[in-house]
PDB file of N, CA and C in Angstrom:
ATOM      1  N   UNK A   1      97.933 113.620 102.132  1.00  0.00           N
ATOM      2  CA  UNK A   1      98.543 112.919 100.882  1.00  0.00           C
ATOM      3  C   UNK A   1      97.048 112.218 100.115  1.00  0.00           C
ATOM      4  N   UNK A   2      96.131 112.023 101.150  1.00  0.00           N
ATOM      5  CA  UNK A   2      94.858 111.252 100.808  1.00  0.00           C
ATOM      6  C   UNK A   2      93.991 112.191 100.073  1.00  0.00           C
ATOM      7  N   UNK A   3      94.061 113.551  99.837  1.00  0.00           N
ATOM      8  CA  UNK A   3      93.090 114.283  99.580  1.00  0.00           C
ATOM      9  C   UNK A   3      93.565 114.559  97.945  1.00  0.00           C
ATOM     10  N   UNK A   4      94.880 114.685  98.035  1.00  0.00           N
ATOM     11  CA  UNK A   4      95.176 115.317  96.459  1.00  0.00           C
ATOM     12  C   UNK A   4      95.626 114.248  95.558  1.00  0.00           C
ATOM     13  N   UNK A   5      96.636 113.711  95.557  1.00  0.00           N
ATOM     14  CA  UNK A   5      97.027 112.415  94.774  1.00  0.00           C
ATOM     15  C   UNK A   5      97.547 111.193  95.440  1.00  0.00           C
ATOM     16  N   UNK A   6      96.184 110.290  95.822  1.00  0.00           N
ATOM     17  CA  UNK A   6      96.213 108.933  96.664  1.00  0.00           C
ATOM     18  C   UNK A   6      97.134 108.157  95.809  1.00  0.00           C
ATOM     19  N   UNK A   7      98.128 107.475  96.221  1.00  0.00           N
ATOM     20  CA  UNK A   7      98.731 106.365  96.089  1.00  0.00           C
ATOM     21  C   UNK A   7      98.851 105.174  97.013  1.00  0.00           C
ATOM     22  N   UNK A   8      98.954 104.014  96.422  1.00  0.00           N
ATOM     23  CA  UNK A   8      98.959 102.997  97.526  1.00  0.00           C
ATOM     24  C   UNK A   8      99.939 102.694  98.578  1.00  0.00           C
ATOM     25  N   UNK A   9     101.016 103.534  98.313  1.00  0.00           N
ATOM     26  CA  UNK A   9     102.150 103.692  99.196  1.00  0.00           C
ATOM     27  C   UNK A   9     101.666 104.445 100.580  1.00  0.00           C
ATOM     28  N   UNK A  10     100.536 105.413 100.592  1.00  0.00           N
ATOM     29  CA  UNK A  10     100.035 105.980 101.544  1.00  0.00           C
ATOM     30  C   UNK A  10      99.483 104.941 102.589  1.00  0.00           C
ATOM     31  N   UNK A  11      98.910 104.022 102.116  1.00  0.00           N
ATOM     32  CA  UNK A  11      98.593 102.937 102.993  1.00  0.00           C
ATOM     33  C   UNK A  11      99.389 102.397 103.778  1.00  0.00           C
ATOM     34  N   UNK A  12     100.756 102.269 103.547  1.00  0.00           N
ATOM     35  CA  UNK A  12     101.903 101.621 104.106  1.00  0.00           C
ATOM     36  C   UNK A  12     102.194 102.391 105.203  1.00  0.00           C
ATOM     37  N   UNK A  13     102.195 103.663 105.453  1.00  0.00           N
ATOM     38  CA  UNK A  13     102.794 104.454 106.757  1.00  0.00           C
ATOM     39  C   UNK A  13     101.601 104.285 107.866  1.00  0.00           C
ATOM     40  N   UNK A  14     100.607 104.062 108.014  1.00  0.00           N
ATOM     41  CA  UNK A  14      99.934 103.918 109.122  1.00  0.00           C
ATOM     42  C   UNK A  14     100.225 102.159 109.499  1.00  0.00           C
ATOM     43  N   UNK A  15     100.033 101.347 108.616  1.00  0.00           N
ATOM     44  CA  UNK A  15     100.497  99.977 108.743  1.00  0.00           C
ATOM     45  C   UNK A  15     102.071  99.844 109.445  1.00  0.00           C
ATOM     46  N   UNK A  16     103.153 100.446 108.740  1.00  0.00           N
ATOM     47  CA  UNK A  16     104.454 100.456 109.202  1.00  0.00           C
ATOM     48  C   UNK A  16     104.516 100.925 110.864  1.00  0.00           C
ATOM     49  N   UNK A  17     103.647 101.824 111.116  1.00  0.00           N
ATOM     50  CA  UNK A  17     103.727 102.171 112.558  1.00  0.00           C
ATOM     51  C   UNK A  17     103.102 101.412 113.496  1.00  0.00           C
ATOM     52  N   UNK A  18     101.910 100.752 112.903  1.00  0.00           N
ATOM     53  CA  UNK A  18     101.281  99.364 113.632  1.00  0.00           C
ATOM     54  C   UNK A  18     102.395  98.471 113.763  1.00  0.00           C
ATOM     55  N   UNK A  19     103.072  98.083 112.665  1.00  0.00           N
ATOM     56  CA  UNK A  19     104.049  97.038 112.984  1.00  0.00           C
ATOM     57  C   UNK A  19     105.106  97.216 114.011  1.00  0.00           C
ATOM     58  N   UNK A  20     105.698  98.627 113.912  1.00  0.00           N
ATOM     59  CA  UNK A  20     106.508  98.809 115.095  1.00  0.00           C
ATOM     60  C   UNK A  20     106.066  98.678 116.433  1.00  0.00           C
ATOM     61  N   UNK A  21     104.812  99.179 116.566  1.00  0.00           N
ATOM     62  CA  UNK A  21     103.829  99.089 117.644  1.00  0.00           C
ATOM     63  C   UNK A  21     103.971  97.672 118.378  1.00  0.00           C
ATOM     64  N   UNK A  22     103.426  96.785 117.260  1.00  0.00           N
ATOM     65  CA  UNK A  22     103.266  95.097 117.848  1.00  0.00           C
ATOM     66  C   UNK A  22     104.686  94.673 117.929  1.00  0.00           C
ATOM     67  N   UNK A  23     105.602  95.016 117.193  1.00  0.00           N
ATOM     68  CA  UNK A  23     106.862  94.418 117.539  1.00  0.00           C
ATOM     69  C   UNK A  23     107.364  94.887 118.930  1.00  0.00           C
ATOM     70  N   UNK A  24     107.320  96.155 119.236  1.00  0.00           N
ATOM     71  CA  UNK A  24     107.575  96.784 120.860  1.00  0.00           C
ATOM     72  C   UNK A  24     106.904  96.134 121.652  1.00  0.00           C
ATOM     73  N   UNK A  25     105.697  95.775 121.465  1.00  0.00           N
ATOM     74  CA  UNK A  25     104.522  95.299 122.630  1.00  0.00           C
ATOM     75  C   UNK A  25     104.635  93.740 122.730  1.00  0.00           C
ATOM     76  N   UNK A  26     105.493  93.260 121.843  1.00  0.00           N
ATOM     77  CA  UNK A  26     105.551  91.877 121.808  1.00  0.00           C
ATOM     78  C   UNK A  26     104.214  91.011 121.409  1.00  0.00           C
ATOM     79  N   UNK A  27     103.688  91.562 120.855  1.00  0.00           N
ATOM     80  CA  UNK A  27     102.219  91.131 120.087  1.00  0.00           C
ATOM     81  C   UNK A  27     102.614  90.356 118.708  1.00  0.00           C
ATOM     82  N   UNK A  28     102.972  88.923 118.893  1.00  0.00           N
ATOM     83  CA  UNK A  28     103.451  88.568 117.732  1.00  0.00           C
ATOM     84  C   UNK A  28     102.254  88.231 116.608  1.00  0.00           C
ATOM     85  N   UNK A  29     101.191  87.921 117.091  1.00  0.00           N
ATOM     86  CA  UNK A  29     100.204  87.482 116.188  1.00  0.00           C
ATOM     87  C   UNK A  29      99.626  88.815 115.451  1.00  0.00           C
ATOM     88  N   UNK A  30      99.670  89.621 116.000  1.00  0.00           N
ATOM     89  CA  UNK A  30      99.439  91.116 115.347  1.00  0.00           C
ATOM     90  C   UNK A  30     100.426  91.696 114.308  1.00  0.00           C
ATOM     91  N   UNK A  31     101.651  91.279 114.811  1.00  0.00           N
ATOM     92  CA  UNK A  31     102.806  91.420 113.949  1.00  0.00           C
ATOM     93  C   UNK A  31     102.746  91.008 112.654  1.00  0.00           C
ATOM     94  N   UNK A  32     102.606  89.416 112.678  1.00  0.00           N
ATOM     95  CA  UNK A  32     102.519  88.870 111.462  1.00  0.00           C
ATOM     96  C   UNK A  32     101.287  89.142 110.661  1.00  0.00           C
ATOM     97  N   UNK A  33     100.368  89.736 111.341  1.00  0.00           N
ATOM     98  CA  UNK A  33      99.022  90.150 110.488  1.00  0.00           C
ATOM     99  C   UNK A  33      99.168  91.610 109.879  1.00  0.00           C
ATOM    100  N   UNK A  34     100.145  92.262 110.421  1.00  0.00           N
ATOM    101  CA  UNK A  34     100.250  93.703 110.054  1.00  0.00           C
ATOM    102  C   UNK A  34     101.494  93.225 108.822  1.00  0.00           C
ATOM    103  N   UNK A  35     102.312  92.487 109.023  1.00  0.00           N
ATOM    104  CA  UNK A  35     103.331  92.260 108.065  1.00  0.00           C
ATOM    105  C   UNK A  35     102.741  91.858 106.785  1.00  0.00           C
ATOM    106  N   UNK A  36     101.748  91.019 106.920  1.00  0.00           N
ATOM    107  CA  UNK A  36     100.974  90.598 105.818  1.00  0.00           C
ATOM    108  C   UNK A  36     100.274  91.730 104.885  1.00  0.00           C
ATOM    109  N   UNK A  37      99.533  92.509 105.800  1.00  0.00           N
ATOM    110  CA  UNK A  37      98.917  93.780 105.110  1.00  0.00           C
ATOM    111  C   UNK A  37      99.878  94.693 104.506  1.00  0.00           C
ATOM    112  N   UNK A  38     100.932  94.831 105.149  1.00  0.00           N
ATOM    113  CA  UNK A  38     102.147  95.763 104.512  1.00  0.00           C
ATOM    114  C   UNK A  38     102.460  95.077 103.279  1.00  0.00           C
ATOM    115  N   UNK A  39     102.632  93.912 103.224  1.00  0.00           N
ATOM    116  CA  UNK A  39     103.335  93.412 101.923  1.00  0.00           C
ATOM    117  C   UNK A  39     102.091  93.338 100.768  1.00  0.00           C
ATOM    118  N   UNK A  40     100.853  93.386 101.014  1.00  0.00           N
ATOM    119  CA  UNK A  40     100.131  93.453 100.281  1.00  0.00           C
ATOM    120  C   UNK A  40      99.651  94.862  99.563  1.00  0.00           C
ATOM    121  N   UNK A  41     100.258  95.799 100.378  1.00  0.00           N
ATOM    122  CA  UNK A  41     100.135  97.193  99.867  1.00  0.00           C
ATOM    123  C   UNK A  41     100.807  97.491  98.540  1.00  0.00           C
ATOM    124  N   UNK A  42     101.915  97.037  98.518  1.00  0.00           N
ATOM    125  CA  UNK A  42     102.605  97.464  97.295  1.00  0.00           C
ATOM    126  C   UNK A  42     103.976  96.357  97.470  1.00  0.00           C
ATOM    127  N   UNK A  43     104.446  96.366  96.015  1.00  0.00           N
ATOM    128  CA  UNK A  43     105.700  95.125  95.932  1.00  0.00           C
ATOM    129  C   UNK A  43     106.845  95.644  96.521  1.00  0.00           C
ATOM    130  N   UNK A  44     107.056  97.020  96.411  1.00  0.00           N
ATOM    131  CA  UNK A  44     108.524  97.424  97.031  1.00  0.00           C
ATOM    132  C   UNK A  44     108.321  97.849  98.477  1.00  0.00           C
ATOM    133  N   UNK A  45     107.109  97.631  99.247  1.00  0.00           N
ATOM    134  CA  UNK A  45     107.225  97.891 100.682  1.00  0.00           C
ATOM    135  C   UNK A  45     107.962  96.416 101.273  1.00  0.00           C
ATOM    136  N   UNK A  46     108.130  95.367 100.606  1.00  0.00           N
ATOM    137  CA  UNK A  46     108.889  94.378 101.005  1.00  0.00           C
ATOM    138  C   UNK A  46     110.201  94.599 101.305  1.00  0.00           C
ATOM    139  N   UNK A  47     110.854  95.558 100.655  1.00  0.00           N
ATOM    140  CA  UNK A  47     111.934  95.992 100.847  1.00  0.00           C
ATOM    141  C   UNK A  47     112.197  96.845 102.207  1.00  0.00           C
ATOM    142  N   UNK A  48     111.016  97.550 102.444  1.00  0.00           N
ATOM    143  CA  UNK A  48     111.084  98.401 103.601  1.00  0.00           C
ATOM    144  C   UNK A  48     110.971  97.268 104.840  1.00  0.00           C
ATOM    145  N   UNK A  49     110.148  96.362 104.845  1.00  0.00           N
ATOM    146  CA  UNK A  49     110.091  95.527 105.828  1.00  0.00           C
ATOM    147  C   UNK A  49     111.171  94.704 106.056  1.00  0.00           C
ATOM    148  N   UNK A  50     112.008  94.574 105.189  1.00  0.00           N
ATOM    149  CA  UNK A  50     113.367  94.016 105.377  1.00  0.00           C
ATOM    150  C   UNK A  50     114.047  94.845 106.712  1.00  0.00           C
ATOM    151  N   UNK A  51     113.937  95.952 106.436  1.00  0.00           N
ATOM    152  CA  UNK A  51     114.757  96.877 107.540  1.00  0.00           C
ATOM    153  C   UNK A  51     113.904  96.919 108.881  1.00  0.00           C
ATOM    154  N   UNK A  52     112.582  96.685 108.785  1.00  0.00           N
ATOM    155  CA  UNK A  52     111.842  96.442 110.172  1.00  0.00           C
ATOM    156  C   UNK A  52     112.442  94.957 110.789  1.00  0.00           C
ATOM    157  N   UNK A  53     112.598  94.028 109.783  1.00  0.00           N
ATOM    158  CA  UNK A  53     113.234  92.848 110.466  1.00  0.00           C
ATOM    159  C   UNK A  53     114.716  93.041 110.834  1.00  0.00           C
ATOM    160  N   UNK A  54     115.296  93.917 110.302  1.00  0.00           N
ATOM    161  CA  UNK A  54     116.868  94.063 110.809  1.00  0.00           C
ATOM    162  C   UNK A  54     116.704  94.918 112.010  1.00  0.00           C
ATOM    163  N   UNK A  55     115.527  95.781 112.325  1.00  0.00           N
ATOM    164  CA  UNK A  55     115.471  96.364 113.514  1.00  0.00           C
ATOM    165  C   UNK A  55     114.955  95.420 114.682  1.00  0.00           C
ATOM    166  N   UNK A  56     114.501  94.475 114.293  1.00  0.00           N
ATOM    167  CA  UNK A  56     114.006  93.346 115.251  1.00  0.00           C
ATOM    168  C   UNK A  56     115.036  92.530 115.588  1.00  0.00           C
ATOM    169  N   UNK A  57     116.017  92.359 114.851  1.00  0.00           N
ATOM    170  CA  UNK A  57     117.169  91.714 114.995  1.00  0.00           C
ATOM    171  C   UNK A  57     118.007  92.460 116.355  1.00  0.00           C
ATOM    172  N   UNK A  58     118.090  93.859 115.855  1.00  0.00           N
ATOM    173  CA  UNK A  58     119.023  94.674 116.805  1.00  0.00           C
ATOM    174  C   UNK A  58     118.602  94.756 118.054  1.00  0.00           C
ATOM    175  N   UNK A  59     117.048  94.622 118.289  1.00  0.00           N
ATOM    176  CA  UNK A  59     116.376  94.898 119.484  1.00  0.00           C
ATOM    177  C   UNK A  59     116.170  93.445 120.362  1.00  0.00           C
ATOM    178  N   UNK A  60     116.855  92.373 119.786  1.00  0.00           N
ATOM    179  CA  UNK A  60     116.619  91.271 120.481  1.00  0.00           C
ATOM    180  C   UNK A  60     115.793  90.047 120.158  1.00  0.00           C
ATOM    181  N   UNK A  61     114.930  90.626 118.980  1.00  0.00           N
ATOM    182  CA  UNK A  61     113.977  89.457 118.579  1.00  0.00           C
ATOM    183  C   UNK A  61     114.442  88.855 117.358  1.00  0.00           C
ATOM    184  N   UNK A  62     115.476  88.145 117.321  1.00  0.00           N
ATOM    185  CA  UNK A  62     116.393  87.533 116.318  1.00  0.00           C
ATOM    186  C   UNK A  62     115.458  86.737 115.351  1.00  0.00           C
ATOM    187  N   UNK A  63     114.731  85.582 116.072  1.00  0.00           N
ATOM    188  CA  UNK A  63     113.969  84.680 115.242  1.00  0.00           C
ATOM    189  C   UNK A  63     112.885  85.572 114.312  1.00  0.00           C
ATOM    190  N   UNK A  64     112.211  86.336 114.864  1.00  0.00           N
ATOM    191  CA  UNK A  64     111.046  87.205 114.289  1.00  0.00           C
ATOM    192  C   UNK A  64     111.793  88.070 113.051  1.00  0.00           C
ATOM    193  N   UNK A  65     112.961  88.715 113.402  1.00  0.00           N
ATOM    194  CA  UNK A  65     113.695  89.532 112.622  1.00  0.00           C
ATOM    195  C   UNK A  65     114.093  88.696 111.095  1.00  0.00           C
ATOM    196  N   UNK A  66     114.673  87.741 111.455  1.00  0.00           N
ATOM    197  CA  UNK A  66     115.133  86.859 110.611  1.00  0.00           C
ATOM    198  C   UNK A  66     113.892  86.496 109.590  1.00  0.00           C
ATOM    199  N   UNK A  67     113.087  85.844 110.026  1.00  0.00           N
ATOM    200  CA  UNK A  67     111.781  85.393 109.598  1.00  0.00           C
ATOM    201  C   UNK A  67     111.278  86.384 108.657  1.00  0.00           C
ATOM    202  N   UNK A  68     111.243  87.585 109.197  1.00  0.00           N
ATOM    203  CA  UNK A  68     110.706  88.882 108.617  1.00  0.00           C
ATOM    204  C   UNK A  68     111.533  89.013 107.211  1.00  0.00           C
ATOM    205  N   UNK A  69     112.895  89.050 107.403  1.00  0.00           N
ATOM    206  CA  UNK A  69     113.720  89.439 106.176  1.00  0.00           C
ATOM    207  C   UNK A  69     113.416  88.349 105.376  1.00  0.00           C
ATOM    208  N   UNK A  70     113.322  87.110 105.642  1.00  0.00           N
ATOM    209  CA  UNK A  70     113.338  85.901 104.620  1.00  0.00           C
ATOM    210  C   UNK A  70     111.921  86.100 103.974  1.00  0.00           C
ATOM    211  N   UNK A  71     110.772  86.493 104.712  1.00  0.00           N
ATOM    212  CA  UNK A  71     109.609  86.294 104.207  1.00  0.00           C
ATOM    213  C   UNK A  71     109.372  87.429 103.158  1.00  0.00           C
ATOM    214  N   UNK A  72     109.857  88.705 103.472  1.00  0.00           N
ATOM    215  CA  UNK A  72     109.834  89.937 102.726  1.00  0.00           C
ATOM    216  C   UNK A  72     110.564  89.614 101.343  1.00  0.00           C
ATOM    217  N   UNK A  73     111.845  89.206 101.598  1.00  0.00           N
ATOM    218  CA  UNK A  73     112.795  89.429 100.488  1.00  0.00           C
ATOM    219  C   UNK A  73     112.115  88.194  99.424  1.00  0.00           C
ATOM    220  N   UNK A  74     111.640  86.999  99.962  1.00  0.00           N
ATOM    221  CA  UNK A  74     110.996  86.055  99.088  1.00  0.00           C
ATOM    222  C   UNK A  74     109.800  86.517  98.400  1.00  0.00           C
ATOM    223  N   UNK A  75     109.127  87.457  99.166  1.00  0.00           N
ATOM    224  CA  UNK A  75     107.904  87.860  98.456  1.00  0.00           C
ATOM    225  C   UNK A  75     108.230  88.937  97.342  1.00  0.00           C
ATOM    226  N   UNK A  76     109.078  89.684  97.691  1.00  0.00           N
ATOM    227  CA  UNK A  76     109.695  90.379  96.598  1.00  0.00           C
ATOM    228  C   UNK A  76     109.919  90.022  95.340  1.00  0.00           C
ATOM    229  N   UNK A  77     110.980  88.780  95.486  1.00  0.00           N
ATOM    230  CA  UNK A  77     111.521  88.164  94.443  1.00  0.00           C
ATOM    231  C   UNK A  77     110.496  87.522  93.610  1.00  0.00           C
ATOM    232  N   UNK A  78     109.394  86.792  94.285  1.00  0.00           N
ATOM    233  CA  UNK A  78     108.218  86.228  93.933  1.00  0.00           C
ATOM    234  C   UNK A  78     107.536  87.120  92.901  1.00  0.00           C
ATOM    235  N   UNK A  79     107.083  88.386  93.615  1.00  0.00           N
ATOM    236  CA  UNK A  79     106.329  89.254  92.777  1.00  0.00           C
ATOM    237  C   UNK A  79     106.982  90.095  91.671  1.00  0.00           C
ATOM    238  N   UNK A  80     108.242  90.122  91.750  1.00  0.00           N
ATOM    239  CA  UNK A  80     109.012  90.718  90.638  1.00  0.00           C
ATOM    240  C   UNK A  80     109.323  89.668  89.544  1.00  0.00           C
ATOM    241  N   UNK A  81     109.484  88.681  90.040  1.00  0.00           N
ATOM    242  CA  UNK A  81     109.797  87.390  88.779  1.00  0.00           C
ATOM    243  C   UNK A  81     108.732  86.989  88.102  1.00  0.00           C
ATOM    244  N   UNK A  82     107.565  86.734  88.743  1.00  0.00           N
ATOM    245  CA  UNK A  82     106.279  85.994  88.358  1.00  0.00           C
ATOM    246  C   UNK A  82     105.047  86.747  88.022  1.00  0.00           C
ATOM    247  N   UNK A  83     104.863  87.842  88.549  1.00  0.00           N
ATOM    248  CA  UNK A  83     103.593  88.775  88.538  1.00  0.00           C
ATOM    249  C   UNK A  83     103.654  89.959  87.835  1.00  0.00           C
ATOM    250  N   UNK A  84     104.763  90.599  87.915  1.00  0.00           N
ATOM    251  CA  UNK A  84     104.926  91.953  87.112  1.00  0.00           C
ATOM    252  C   UNK A  84     105.378  91.879  86.067  1.00  0.00           C
ATOM    253  N   UNK A  85     104.910  92.884  85.220  1.00  0.00           N
ATOM    254  CA  UNK A  85     105.238  93.077  83.619  1.00  0.00           C
ATOM    255  C   UNK A  85     106.560  93.271  83.552  1.00  0.00           C
ATOM    256  N   UNK A  86     107.455  94.045  84.161  1.00  0.00           N
ATOM    257  CA  UNK A  86     108.722  94.300  83.936  1.00  0.00           C
ATOM    258  C   UNK A  86     109.557  93.771  85.175  1.00  0.00           C
ATOM    259  N   UNK A  87     110.188  92.703  85.161  1.00  0.00           N
ATOM    260  CA  UNK A  87     110.724  92.237  86.494  1.00  0.00           C
ATOM    261  C   UNK A  87     112.084  92.901  86.885  1.00  0.00           C
ATOM    262  N   UNK A  88     112.379  93.951  86.353  1.00  0.00           N
ATOM    263  CA  UNK A  88     113.322  94.798  87.050  1.00  0.00           C
ATOM    264  C   UNK A  88     113.153  95.530  88.196  1.00  0.00           C
ATOM    265  N   UNK A  89     114.109  95.926  88.956  1.00  0.00           N
ATOM    266  CA  UNK A  89     113.658  96.715  90.296  1.00  0.00           C
ATOM    267  C   UNK A  89     113.229  98.054  90.002  1.00  0.00           C
ATOM    268  N   UNK A  90     113.682  98.715  89.150  1.00  0.00           N
ATOM    269  CA  UNK A  90     113.292 100.037  88.860  1.00  0.00           C
ATOM    270  C   UNK A  90     112.000 100.024  87.496  1.00  0.00           C
ATOM    271  N   UNK A  91     111.526  99.235  87.185  1.00  0.00           N
ATOM    272  CA  UNK A  91     110.804  99.015  85.928  1.00  0.00           C
ATOM    273  C   UNK A  91     111.016 100.141  84.739  1.00  0.00           C
ATOM    274  N   UNK A  92     112.249  99.899  84.362  1.00  0.00           N
ATOM    275  CA  UNK A  92     112.737 100.994  83.198  1.00  0.00           C
ATOM    276  C   UNK A  92     112.669 100.649  82.007  1.00  0.00           C
ATOM    277  N   UNK A  93     112.152  99.572  81.534  1.00  0.00           N
ATOM    278  CA  UNK A  93     112.207  99.010  79.903  1.00  0.00           C
ATOM    279  C   UNK A  93     110.759  98.511  79.649  1.00  0.00           C
ATOM    280  N   UNK A  94     110.930  98.604  78.214  1.00  0.00           N
ATOM    281  CA  UNK A  94     109.701  98.007  77.576  1.00  0.00           C
ATOM    282  C   UNK A  94     108.522  98.751  77.359  1.00  0.00           C
ATOM    283  N   UNK A  95     107.666  98.486  76.553  1.00  0.00           N
ATOM    284  CA  UNK A  95     106.501  99.341  76.135  1.00  0.00           C
ATOM    285  C   UNK A  95     105.444  99.163  77.218  1.00  0.00           C
ATOM    286  N   UNK A  96     105.418  97.978  77.876  1.00  0.00           N
ATOM    287  CA  UNK A  96     104.445  97.821  78.978  1.00  0.00           C
ATOM    288  C   UNK A  96     104.755  98.221  80.342  1.00  0.00           C
ATOM    289  N   UNK A  97     105.979  98.890  80.402  1.00  0.00           N
ATOM    290  CA  UNK A  97     106.349  99.303  81.828  1.00  0.00           C
ATOM    291  C   UNK A  97     105.577 100.820  81.897  1.00  0.00           C
ATOM    292  N   UNK A  98     105.132 101.094  83.187  1.00  0.00           N
ATOM    293  CA  UNK A  98     104.603 102.350  83.690  1.00  0.00           C
ATOM    294  C   UNK A  98     105.351 102.910  84.496  1.00  0.00           C
ATOM    295  N   UNK A  99     106.600 103.116  84.298  1.00  0.00           N
ATOM    296  CA  UNK A  99     107.348 103.766  85.138  1.00  0.00           C
ATOM    297  C   UNK A  99     107.843 105.150  84.609  1.00  0.00           C
ATOM    298  N   UNK A 100     108.580 106.100  85.581  1.00  0.00           N
ATOM    299  CA  UNK A 100     108.732 107.131  85.231  1.00  0.00           C
ATOM    300  C   UNK A 100     109.803 107.358  83.979  1.00  0.00           C
ATOM    301  N   UNK A 101     110.553 106.518  83.766  1.00  0.00           N
ATOM    302  CA  UNK A 101     111.603 106.313  82.850  1.00  0.00           C
ATOM    303  C   UNK A 101     110.817 106.359  81.529  1.00  0.00           C
ATOM    304  N   UNK A 102     109.540 105.442  81.477  1.00  0.00           N
ATOM    305  CA  UNK A 102     108.723 105.482  80.267  1.00  0.00           C
ATOM    306  C   UNK A 102     107.996 106.657  79.792  1.00  0.00           C
ATOM    307  N   UNK A 103     107.470 107.321  80.956  1.00  0.00           N
ATOM    308  CA  UNK A 103     106.620 108.444  80.755  1.00  0.00           C
ATOM    309  C   UNK A 103     107.588 109.799  80.267  1.00  0.00           C
ATOM    310  N   UNK A 104     108.710 109.820  80.779  1.00  0.00           N
ATOM    311  CA  UNK A 104     109.580 110.860  80.441  1.00  0.00           C
ATOM    312  C   UNK A 104     110.883 110.664  79.783  1.00  0.00           C
ATOM    313  N   UNK A 105     110.788 109.571  78.890  1.00  0.00           N
ATOM    314  CA  UNK A 105     111.801 109.059  78.013  1.00  0.00           C
ATOM    315  C   UNK A 105     112.278 110.282  76.995  1.00  0.00           C
ATOM    316  N   UNK A 106     111.462 110.851  76.699  1.00  0.00           N
ATOM    317  CA  UNK A 106     111.649 112.095  75.533  1.00  0.00           C
ATOM    318  C   UNK A 106     112.375 113.166  76.188  1.00  0.00           C
TER     319      UNK A 106
END
């Protein structure tokens, strides 16, 4: 993926694995650092990290999981509402939108 068409989502894969590793090894400081790095890669990664939080809840790390979901959902809403050109979930409207819907509307 890195040699043909590099996208920012490519950076999320190793960070996601690292987050799961730190979660399983009970390395909380490392987990929160990786979570912040994951959230900084792309705005929709916050939805993925909500599932990581759900996994943490299922595996018995309830507080860490709930905090992950709250932080991730808050980050997603804040980025979509205040920082992005098109606040819609799929970025499907407007001239300033850079979505596939805008590129292929004809």
